Protein backbone atom coordinates (compact mmCIF):
# COMPACT_ATOMS: atom_id res chain seq x y z
CA UNK A 1 0.00 0.00 0.00
CA UNK A 2 1.16 3.55 -0.73
CA UNK A 3 1.69 5.09 2.71
CA UNK A 4 1.52 8.61 1.24
CA UNK A 5 -2.26 8.15 0.95
CA UNK A 6 -2.73 7.62 4.68
CA UNK A 7 -3.64 10.07 7.43
CA UNK A 8 -3.81 9.46 11.15
CA UNK A 9 -7.18 7.95 11.97
CA UNK A 10 -7.65 6.18 8.62
CA UNK A 11 -8.96 2.63 8.81
CA UNK A 12 -6.97 -0.08 7.00
CA UNK A 13 -6.36 -3.82 7.21
CA UNK A 14 -3.24 -4.81 9.09
CA UNK A 15 -1.51 -8.18 9.01
CA UNK A 16 0.46 -8.89 12.19
CA UNK A 17 3.76 -10.45 11.03
CA UNK A 18 4.05 -12.21 14.41
CA UNK A 19 0.56 -13.72 14.13
CA UNK A 20 -0.20 -14.24 10.41
CA UNK A 21 -2.78 -16.97 11.08
CA UNK A 22 -5.15 -14.29 12.42
CA UNK A 23 -5.37 -12.88 8.89
CA UNK A 24 -6.23 -9.27 8.19
CA UNK A 25 -7.52 -7.17 11.07
CA UNK A 26 -9.29 -3.81 10.76
CA UNK A 27 -7.03 -1.23 12.40
CA UNK A 28 -6.81 2.53 12.82
CA UNK A 29 -3.61 4.32 11.71
CA UNK A 30 -1.91 5.78 14.80
CA UNK A 31 1.51 6.85 13.50
CA UNK A 32 3.05 6.99 10.01
CA UNK A 33 6.76 6.55 9.20
CA UNK A 34 8.68 6.75 5.91
CA UNK A 35 8.51 2.97 5.48
CA UNK A 36 5.65 1.84 7.70
CA UNK A 37 2.96 2.68 10.21
CA UNK A 38 1.73 1.87 13.69
CA UNK A 39 -1.80 0.49 13.75
CA UNK A 40 -4.23 -0.02 16.61
CA UNK A 41 -4.40 -3.62 17.80
CA UNK A 42 -0.98 -4.61 16.44
CA UNK A 43 1.98 -4.32 18.80
CA UNK A 44 4.78 -3.73 16.28
CA UNK A 45 5.05 -1.09 13.53
CA UNK A 46 4.22 -2.56 10.12
CA UNK A 47 5.98 -2.00 6.80
CA UNK A 48 3.76 -1.16 3.82
CA UNK A 49 3.55 -4.78 2.63
CA UNK A 50 1.55 -5.70 5.76
CA UNK A 51 -0.99 -2.89 5.33
CA UNK A 52 -3.94 -3.20 2.93
CA UNK A 53 -6.73 -0.74 2.07
CA UNK A 54 -10.36 -1.55 2.94
CA UNK A 55 -12.53 -1.70 -0.19
CA UNK A 56 -15.68 0.41 -0.26
CA UNK A 57 -18.78 -1.76 -0.08
CA UNK A 58 -22.40 -0.97 0.64
CA UNK A 59 -21.91 -2.29 4.18
CA UNK A 60 -18.91 -0.01 4.80
CA UNK A 61 -20.80 3.00 3.41
CA UNK A 62 -23.73 2.36 5.73
CA UNK A 63 -21.26 2.24 8.62
CA UNK A 64 -20.07 5.70 7.49
CA UNK A 65 -23.60 7.11 7.80
CA UNK A 66 -24.64 6.96 4.15
CA UNK A 67 -28.11 5.82 3.16
CA UNK A 68 -29.41 4.55 -0.14
CA UNK A 69 -31.87 6.37 -2.36
CA UNK A 70 -32.55 3.07 -4.14
CA UNK A 71 -34.18 0.80 -1.57
CA UNK A 72 -34.96 -1.84 -4.21
CA UNK A 73 -31.27 -2.50 -4.92
CA UNK A 74 -29.60 -4.24 -1.96
CA UNK A 75 -26.23 -4.66 -3.70
CA UNK A 76 -25.73 -0.91 -4.16
CA UNK A 77 -22.04 -0.62 -4.98
CA UNK A 78 -19.64 -3.47 -5.33
CA UNK A 79 -16.16 -2.11 -4.65
CA UNK A 80 -15.92 1.16 -6.60
CA UNK A 81 -17.84 4.39 -6.26
CA UNK A 82 -17.80 7.93 -7.60
CA UNK A 83 -18.19 10.91 -5.32
CA UNK A 84 -19.98 14.06 -6.42
CA UNK A 85 -20.31 17.14 -4.24
CA UNK A 86 -22.69 19.92 -5.34
CA UNK A 87 -25.47 22.09 -3.94
CA UNK A 88 -24.34 21.21 -0.42
CA UNK A 89 -24.84 17.50 -1.11
CA UNK A 90 -22.17 14.83 -0.92
CA UNK A 91 -23.07 11.80 -3.10
CA UNK A 92 -21.45 8.50 -3.89
CA UNK A 93 -22.74 6.52 -6.81
CA UNK A 94 -21.94 3.76 -9.24
CA UNK A 95 -23.55 4.33 -12.63
CA UNK A 96 -23.88 0.66 -13.53
CA UNK A 97 -25.99 -0.02 -10.45
CA UNK A 98 -27.75 3.37 -10.34
CA UNK A 99 -27.13 3.54 -6.62
CA UNK A 100 -26.63 6.64 -4.54
CA UNK A 101 -25.58 7.16 -0.96
CA UNK A 102 -26.05 10.63 0.47
CA UNK A 103 -24.22 12.56 3.11
CA UNK A 104 -24.65 16.26 3.74
CA UNK A 105 -22.18 18.63 2.76
CA UNK A 106 -20.31 22.21 -5.52
CA UNK A 107 -19.27 20.37 -8.31
CA UNK A 108 -16.46 17.86 -7.71
CA UNK A 109 -16.25 14.32 -9.07
CA UNK A 110 -13.71 11.84 -7.68
CA UNK A 111 -13.41 8.06 -8.15
CA UNK A 112 -13.05 6.21 -4.85
CA UNK A 113 -12.19 2.58 -4.27
CA UNK A 114 -11.13 2.44 -0.63
CA UNK A 115 -12.36 3.61 2.76
CA UNK A 116 -9.25 5.70 3.53
CA UNK A 117 -9.82 7.68 0.29
CA UNK A 118 -13.38 8.48 1.39
CA UNK A 119 -12.15 9.47 4.86
CA UNK A 120 -9.49 11.78 3.37
CA UNK A 121 -11.90 13.41 0.91
CA UNK A 122 -14.52 13.96 3.59
CA UNK A 123 -11.93 15.62 5.84
CA UNK A 124 -10.64 17.82 2.98
CA UNK A 125 -14.17 19.05 2.22
CA UNK A 126 -15.61 19.36 5.72
CA UNK A 127 -12.59 19.83 7.99
CA UNK A 128 -13.98 17.07 10.23
CA UNK A 129 -13.33 13.37 10.48
CA UNK A 130 -15.86 11.03 8.89
CA UNK A 131 -17.52 9.01 11.63
CA UNK A 132 -17.02 5.33 10.82
CA UNK A 133 -18.62 2.64 12.99
CA UNK A 134 -16.76 -0.57 12.12
C-alpha atoms as a PDB file:
ATOM      1  CA  UNK A   1       0.000   0.000   0.000  1.00  0.00           C
ATOM      2  CA  UNK A   2       1.163   3.549  -0.726  1.00  0.00           C
ATOM      3  CA  UNK A   3       1.690   5.088   2.711  1.00  0.00           C
ATOM      4  CA  UNK A   4       1.518   8.610   1.242  1.00  0.00           C
ATOM      5  CA  UNK A   5      -2.257   8.148   0.950  1.00  0.00           C
ATOM      6  CA  UNK A   6      -2.730   7.623   4.677  1.00  0.00           C
ATOM      7  CA  UNK A   7      -3.644  10.074   7.430  1.00  0.00           C
ATOM      8  CA  UNK A   8      -3.811   9.464  11.154  1.00  0.00           C
ATOM      9  CA  UNK A   9      -7.179   7.951  11.972  1.00  0.00           C
ATOM     10  CA  UNK A  10      -7.650   6.178   8.621  1.00  0.00           C
ATOM     11  CA  UNK A  11      -8.963   2.625   8.805  1.00  0.00           C
ATOM     12  CA  UNK A  12      -6.968  -0.081   7.004  1.00  0.00           C
ATOM     13  CA  UNK A  13      -6.358  -3.816   7.208  1.00  0.00           C
ATOM     14  CA  UNK A  14      -3.238  -4.805   9.093  1.00  0.00           C
ATOM     15  CA  UNK A  15      -1.507  -8.179   9.014  1.00  0.00           C
ATOM     16  CA  UNK A  16       0.460  -8.888  12.191  1.00  0.00           C
ATOM     17  CA  UNK A  17       3.756 -10.448  11.028  1.00  0.00           C
ATOM     18  CA  UNK A  18       4.050 -12.211  14.415  1.00  0.00           C
ATOM     19  CA  UNK A  19       0.562 -13.720  14.125  1.00  0.00           C
ATOM     20  CA  UNK A  20      -0.199 -14.243  10.408  1.00  0.00           C
ATOM     21  CA  UNK A  21      -2.779 -16.969  11.078  1.00  0.00           C
ATOM     22  CA  UNK A  22      -5.146 -14.288  12.422  1.00  0.00           C
ATOM     23  CA  UNK A  23      -5.371 -12.878   8.892  1.00  0.00           C
ATOM     24  CA  UNK A  24      -6.225  -9.272   8.191  1.00  0.00           C
ATOM     25  CA  UNK A  25      -7.519  -7.169  11.067  1.00  0.00           C
ATOM     26  CA  UNK A  26      -9.293  -3.806  10.757  1.00  0.00           C
ATOM     27  CA  UNK A  27      -7.026  -1.228  12.397  1.00  0.00           C
ATOM     28  CA  UNK A  28      -6.805   2.528  12.821  1.00  0.00           C
ATOM     29  CA  UNK A  29      -3.606   4.315  11.711  1.00  0.00           C
ATOM     30  CA  UNK A  30      -1.913   5.780  14.801  1.00  0.00           C
ATOM     31  CA  UNK A  31       1.515   6.855  13.504  1.00  0.00           C
ATOM     32  CA  UNK A  32       3.054   6.994  10.007  1.00  0.00           C
ATOM     33  CA  UNK A  33       6.763   6.547   9.199  1.00  0.00           C
ATOM     34  CA  UNK A  34       8.677   6.747   5.912  1.00  0.00           C
ATOM     35  CA  UNK A  35       8.506   2.966   5.484  1.00  0.00           C
ATOM     36  CA  UNK A  36       5.646   1.843   7.700  1.00  0.00           C
ATOM     37  CA  UNK A  37       2.964   2.682  10.211  1.00  0.00           C
ATOM     38  CA  UNK A  38       1.731   1.871  13.687  1.00  0.00           C
ATOM     39  CA  UNK A  39      -1.802   0.493  13.752  1.00  0.00           C
ATOM     40  CA  UNK A  40      -4.230  -0.017  16.612  1.00  0.00           C
ATOM     41  CA  UNK A  41      -4.402  -3.617  17.805  1.00  0.00           C
ATOM     42  CA  UNK A  42      -0.980  -4.611  16.440  1.00  0.00           C
ATOM     43  CA  UNK A  43       1.978  -4.317  18.805  1.00  0.00           C
ATOM     44  CA  UNK A  44       4.777  -3.734  16.280  1.00  0.00           C
ATOM     45  CA  UNK A  45       5.048  -1.085  13.533  1.00  0.00           C
ATOM     46  CA  UNK A  46       4.222  -2.555  10.122  1.00  0.00           C
ATOM     47  CA  UNK A  47       5.976  -2.000   6.802  1.00  0.00           C
ATOM     48  CA  UNK A  48       3.759  -1.161   3.820  1.00  0.00           C
ATOM     49  CA  UNK A  49       3.548  -4.785   2.626  1.00  0.00           C
ATOM     50  CA  UNK A  50       1.548  -5.703   5.762  1.00  0.00           C
ATOM     51  CA  UNK A  51      -0.994  -2.892   5.325  1.00  0.00           C
ATOM     52  CA  UNK A  52      -3.939  -3.201   2.928  1.00  0.00           C
ATOM     53  CA  UNK A  53      -6.735  -0.741   2.070  1.00  0.00           C
ATOM     54  CA  UNK A  54     -10.358  -1.548   2.938  1.00  0.00           C
ATOM     55  CA  UNK A  55     -12.534  -1.696  -0.194  1.00  0.00           C
ATOM     56  CA  UNK A  56     -15.684   0.407  -0.258  1.00  0.00           C
ATOM     57  CA  UNK A  57     -18.778  -1.764  -0.076  1.00  0.00           C
ATOM     58  CA  UNK A  58     -22.401  -0.970   0.635  1.00  0.00           C
ATOM     59  CA  UNK A  59     -21.914  -2.293   4.178  1.00  0.00           C
ATOM     60  CA  UNK A  60     -18.914  -0.010   4.795  1.00  0.00           C
ATOM     61  CA  UNK A  61     -20.800   2.996   3.411  1.00  0.00           C
ATOM     62  CA  UNK A  62     -23.734   2.365   5.726  1.00  0.00           C
ATOM     63  CA  UNK A  63     -21.262   2.244   8.623  1.00  0.00           C
ATOM     64  CA  UNK A  64     -20.069   5.702   7.495  1.00  0.00           C
ATOM     65  CA  UNK A  65     -23.595   7.105   7.804  1.00  0.00           C
ATOM     66  CA  UNK A  66     -24.636   6.964   4.151  1.00  0.00           C
ATOM     67  CA  UNK A  67     -28.108   5.825   3.161  1.00  0.00           C
ATOM     68  CA  UNK A  68     -29.410   4.549  -0.135  1.00  0.00           C
ATOM     69  CA  UNK A  69     -31.874   6.368  -2.365  1.00  0.00           C
ATOM     70  CA  UNK A  70     -32.546   3.068  -4.140  1.00  0.00           C
ATOM     71  CA  UNK A  71     -34.176   0.803  -1.572  1.00  0.00           C
ATOM     72  CA  UNK A  72     -34.964  -1.841  -4.206  1.00  0.00           C
ATOM     73  CA  UNK A  73     -31.268  -2.498  -4.925  1.00  0.00           C
ATOM     74  CA  UNK A  74     -29.601  -4.244  -1.956  1.00  0.00           C
ATOM     75  CA  UNK A  75     -26.228  -4.658  -3.699  1.00  0.00           C
ATOM     76  CA  UNK A  76     -25.727  -0.906  -4.158  1.00  0.00           C
ATOM     77  CA  UNK A  77     -22.036  -0.616  -4.984  1.00  0.00           C
ATOM     78  CA  UNK A  78     -19.642  -3.472  -5.333  1.00  0.00           C
ATOM     79  CA  UNK A  79     -16.162  -2.111  -4.653  1.00  0.00           C
ATOM     80  CA  UNK A  80     -15.918   1.163  -6.595  1.00  0.00           C
ATOM     81  CA  UNK A  81     -17.842   4.394  -6.261  1.00  0.00           C
ATOM     82  CA  UNK A  82     -17.799   7.930  -7.595  1.00  0.00           C
ATOM     83  CA  UNK A  83     -18.192  10.914  -5.324  1.00  0.00           C
ATOM     84  CA  UNK A  84     -19.975  14.059  -6.422  1.00  0.00           C
ATOM     85  CA  UNK A  85     -20.313  17.140  -4.237  1.00  0.00           C
ATOM     86  CA  UNK A  86     -22.691  19.924  -5.340  1.00  0.00           C
ATOM     87  CA  UNK A  87     -25.470  22.094  -3.935  1.00  0.00           C
ATOM     88  CA  UNK A  88     -24.344  21.210  -0.419  1.00  0.00           C
ATOM     89  CA  UNK A  89     -24.840  17.500  -1.113  1.00  0.00           C
ATOM     90  CA  UNK A  90     -22.170  14.834  -0.922  1.00  0.00           C
ATOM     91  CA  UNK A  91     -23.071  11.801  -3.098  1.00  0.00           C
ATOM     92  CA  UNK A  92     -21.447   8.497  -3.891  1.00  0.00           C
ATOM     93  CA  UNK A  93     -22.739   6.519  -6.810  1.00  0.00           C
ATOM     94  CA  UNK A  94     -21.942   3.755  -9.242  1.00  0.00           C
ATOM     95  CA  UNK A  95     -23.546   4.328 -12.633  1.00  0.00           C
ATOM     96  CA  UNK A  96     -23.877   0.665 -13.530  1.00  0.00           C
ATOM     97  CA  UNK A  97     -25.993  -0.023 -10.453  1.00  0.00           C
ATOM     98  CA  UNK A  98     -27.747   3.371 -10.342  1.00  0.00           C
ATOM     99  CA  UNK A  99     -27.129   3.544  -6.619  1.00  0.00           C
ATOM    100  CA  UNK A 100     -26.629   6.641  -4.540  1.00  0.00           C
ATOM    101  CA  UNK A 101     -25.585   7.157  -0.956  1.00  0.00           C
ATOM    102  CA  UNK A 102     -26.052  10.626   0.473  1.00  0.00           C
ATOM    103  CA  UNK A 103     -24.220  12.558   3.107  1.00  0.00           C
ATOM    104  CA  UNK A 104     -24.646  16.263   3.742  1.00  0.00           C
ATOM    105  CA  UNK A 105     -22.178  18.635   2.761  1.00  0.00           C
ATOM    106  CA  UNK A 106     -20.309  22.209  -5.524  1.00  0.00           C
ATOM    107  CA  UNK A 107     -19.268  20.371  -8.313  1.00  0.00           C
ATOM    108  CA  UNK A 108     -16.459  17.858  -7.711  1.00  0.00           C
ATOM    109  CA  UNK A 109     -16.253  14.315  -9.066  1.00  0.00           C
ATOM    110  CA  UNK A 110     -13.710  11.837  -7.683  1.00  0.00           C
ATOM    111  CA  UNK A 111     -13.406   8.059  -8.147  1.00  0.00           C
ATOM    112  CA  UNK A 112     -13.054   6.205  -4.851  1.00  0.00           C
ATOM    113  CA  UNK A 113     -12.191   2.584  -4.273  1.00  0.00           C
ATOM    114  CA  UNK A 114     -11.134   2.445  -0.632  1.00  0.00           C
ATOM    115  CA  UNK A 115     -12.358   3.610   2.759  1.00  0.00           C
ATOM    116  CA  UNK A 116      -9.252   5.700   3.529  1.00  0.00           C
ATOM    117  CA  UNK A 117      -9.824   7.682   0.288  1.00  0.00           C
ATOM    118  CA  UNK A 118     -13.376   8.483   1.390  1.00  0.00           C
ATOM    119  CA  UNK A 119     -12.148   9.473   4.857  1.00  0.00           C
ATOM    120  CA  UNK A 120      -9.491  11.779   3.368  1.00  0.00           C
ATOM    121  CA  UNK A 121     -11.896  13.414   0.914  1.00  0.00           C
ATOM    122  CA  UNK A 122     -14.525  13.961   3.591  1.00  0.00           C
ATOM    123  CA  UNK A 123     -11.928  15.624   5.843  1.00  0.00           C
ATOM    124  CA  UNK A 124     -10.644  17.823   2.982  1.00  0.00           C
ATOM    125  CA  UNK A 125     -14.175  19.047   2.224  1.00  0.00           C
ATOM    126  CA  UNK A 126     -15.613  19.364   5.724  1.00  0.00           C
ATOM    127  CA  UNK A 127     -12.586  19.831   7.991  1.00  0.00           C
ATOM    128  CA  UNK A 128     -13.983  17.072  10.226  1.00  0.00           C
ATOM    129  CA  UNK A 129     -13.332  13.375  10.481  1.00  0.00           C
ATOM    130  CA  UNK A 130     -15.858  11.027   8.889  1.00  0.00           C
ATOM    131  CA  UNK A 131     -17.522   9.008  11.625  1.00  0.00           C
ATOM    132  CA  UNK A 132     -17.025   5.335  10.824  1.00  0.00           C
ATOM    133  CA  UNK A 133     -18.619   2.642  12.990  1.00  0.00           C
ATOM    134  CA  UNK A 134     -16.757  -0.567  12.116  1.00  0.00           C
END
